[in-house]
Amino acid sequence: MRKLAEIAKEERKEREAIAAKKAAAEKQRQREANLRTMYADAELLWASMDTKAQRTTAASYDEVTRIIKELAAAYKLA
């Protein structure tokens, strides 16, 4: 009985590991798709960042920083 429980536990762990790998791969694929879109829209994003930076608020600076980091990743991917 204990042996069957251990086997079932190992099988469950294997299924969970496979599911986690699939989820991670899908998440990475989606991120790369988003970065490619950002790369294609880079000119619009730069204009948007300029407008946001002119607001001179901490929140707008944070948003500009986030976009710059994402664009850097998009340029690396391209």
C-alpha atoms as a PDB file:
ATOM      1  CA  MET A   1       0.000   0.000   0.000  1.00  0.00           C
ATOM      2  CA  ARG A   2       2.772   2.394   0.956  1.00  0.00           C
ATOM      3  CA  LYS A   3       4.656   1.520  -2.229  1.00  0.00           C
ATOM      4  CA  LEU A   4       1.607   2.407  -4.355  1.00  0.00           C
ATOM      5  CA  ALA A   5       1.253   5.725  -2.549  1.00  0.00           C
ATOM      6  CA  GLU A   6       4.907   6.537  -3.217  1.00  0.00           C
ATOM      7  CA  ILE A   7       4.549   5.636  -6.890  1.00  0.00           C
ATOM      8  CA  ALA A   8       1.438   7.798  -7.183  1.00  0.00           C
ATOM      9  CA  LYS A   9       3.241  10.665  -5.463  1.00  0.00           C
ATOM     10  CA  GLU A  10       6.182  10.431  -7.877  1.00  0.00           C
ATOM     11  CA  GLU A  11       3.864  10.307 -10.884  1.00  0.00           C
ATOM     12  CA  ARG A  12       2.019  13.371  -9.610  1.00  0.00           C
ATOM     13  CA  LYS A  13       5.316  15.221  -9.156  1.00  0.00           C
ATOM     14  CA  GLU A  14       6.339  14.340 -12.712  1.00  0.00           C
ATOM     15  CA  ARG A  15       3.001  15.560 -14.107  1.00  0.00           C
ATOM     16  CA  GLU A  16       3.302  18.791 -12.132  1.00  0.00           C
ATOM     17  CA  ALA A  17       6.866  19.335 -13.367  1.00  0.00           C
ATOM     18  CA  ILE A  18       5.784  18.818 -16.979  1.00  0.00           C
ATOM     19  CA  ALA A  19       2.852  21.197 -16.522  1.00  0.00           C
ATOM     20  CA  ALA A  20       5.134  23.813 -14.940  1.00  0.00           C
ATOM     21  CA  LYS A  21       7.584  23.571 -17.859  1.00  0.00           C
ATOM     22  CA  LYS A  22       4.749  23.971 -20.356  1.00  0.00           C
ATOM     23  CA  ALA A  23       3.402  26.983 -18.466  1.00  0.00           C
ATOM     24  CA  ALA A  24       6.850  28.587 -18.311  1.00  0.00           C
ATOM     25  CA  ALA A  25       7.381  28.027 -22.033  1.00  0.00           C
ATOM     26  CA  GLU A  26       3.997  29.573 -22.842  1.00  0.00           C
ATOM     27  CA  LYS A  27       4.728  32.544 -20.584  1.00  0.00           C
ATOM     28  CA  GLN A  28       8.086  33.077 -22.317  1.00  0.00           C
ATOM     29  CA  ARG A  29       6.462  32.794 -25.754  1.00  0.00           C
ATOM     30  CA  GLN A  30       3.853  35.393 -24.765  1.00  0.00           C
ATOM     31  CA  ARG A  31       6.527  37.746 -23.366  1.00  0.00           C
ATOM     32  CA  GLU A  32       8.544  37.501 -26.575  1.00  0.00           C
ATOM     33  CA  ALA A  33       5.426  38.239 -28.621  1.00  0.00           C
ATOM     34  CA  ASN A  34       4.756  41.310 -26.463  1.00  0.00           C
ATOM     35  CA  LEU A  35       8.360  42.470 -26.850  1.00  0.00           C
ATOM     36  CA  ARG A  36       8.168  42.087 -30.639  1.00  0.00           C
ATOM     37  CA  THR A  37       5.033  44.236 -30.621  1.00  0.00           C
ATOM     38  CA  MET A  38       6.808  46.837 -28.497  1.00  0.00           C
ATOM     39  CA  TYR A  39       9.746  46.823 -30.909  1.00  0.00           C
ATOM     40  CA  ALA A  40       7.393  47.410 -33.827  1.00  0.00           C
ATOM     41  CA  ASP A  41       5.709  50.261 -31.941  1.00  0.00           C
ATOM     42  CA  ALA A  42       8.947  51.789 -30.620  1.00  0.00           C
ATOM     43  CA  GLU A  43       8.409  55.215 -32.205  1.00  0.00           C
ATOM     44  CA  LEU A  44       4.975  55.532 -30.609  1.00  0.00           C
ATOM     45  CA  LEU A  45       6.350  54.393 -27.267  1.00  0.00           C
ATOM     46  CA  TRP A  46       9.163  56.965 -27.362  1.00  0.00           C
ATOM     47  CA  ALA A  47       6.625  59.718 -28.065  1.00  0.00           C
ATOM     48  CA  SER A  48       4.432  58.419 -25.258  1.00  0.00           C
ATOM     49  CA  MET A  49       7.377  58.403 -22.847  1.00  0.00           C
ATOM     50  CA  ASP A  50       8.210  61.994 -23.733  1.00  0.00           C
ATOM     51  CA  THR A  51       4.658  63.050 -22.931  1.00  0.00           C
ATOM     52  CA  LYS A  52       4.665  61.102 -19.665  1.00  0.00           C
ATOM     53  CA  ALA A  53       8.041  62.511 -18.596  1.00  0.00           C
ATOM     54  CA  GLN A  54       6.774  66.053 -19.108  1.00  0.00           C
ATOM     55  CA  ARG A  55       4.130  65.452 -16.436  1.00  0.00           C
ATOM     56  CA  THR A  56       6.974  65.525 -13.872  1.00  0.00           C
ATOM     57  CA  THR A  57       5.289  63.185 -11.399  1.00  0.00           C
ATOM     58  CA  ALA A  58       6.852  60.200  -9.702  1.00  0.00           C
ATOM     59  CA  ALA A  59       4.237  57.885 -11.193  1.00  0.00           C
ATOM     60  CA  SER A  60       4.911  59.090 -14.727  1.00  0.00           C
ATOM     61  CA  TYR A  61       8.677  58.734 -14.231  1.00  0.00           C
ATOM     62  CA  ASP A  62       8.120  55.199 -12.941  1.00  0.00           C
ATOM     63  CA  GLU A  63       6.047  54.387 -16.024  1.00  0.00           C
ATOM     64  CA  VAL A  64       8.718  55.814 -18.338  1.00  0.00           C
ATOM     65  CA  THR A  65      11.375  53.753 -16.555  1.00  0.00           C
ATOM     66  CA  ARG A  66       9.279  50.601 -16.931  1.00  0.00           C
ATOM     67  CA  ILE A  67       8.760  51.231 -20.647  1.00  0.00           C
ATOM     68  CA  ILE A  68      12.467  51.927 -21.207  1.00  0.00           C
ATOM     69  CA  LYS A  69      13.393  48.643 -19.526  1.00  0.00           C
ATOM     70  CA  GLU A  70      10.861  46.760 -21.641  1.00  0.00           C
ATOM     71  CA  LEU A  71      12.085  48.463 -24.813  1.00  0.00           C
ATOM     72  CA  ALA A  72      15.657  47.513 -23.947  1.00  0.00           C
ATOM     73  CA  ALA A  73      14.551  43.884 -23.722  1.00  0.00           C
ATOM     74  CA  ALA A  74      12.681  44.267 -27.023  1.00  0.00           C
ATOM     75  CA  TYR A  75      15.778  45.658 -28.758  1.00  0.00           C
ATOM     76  CA  LYS A  76      17.867  42.757 -27.437  1.00  0.00           C
ATOM     77  CA  LEU A  77      15.334  40.270 -28.767  1.00  0.00           C
ATOM     78  CA  ALA A  78      15.186  41.891 -32.200  1.00  0.00           C
END
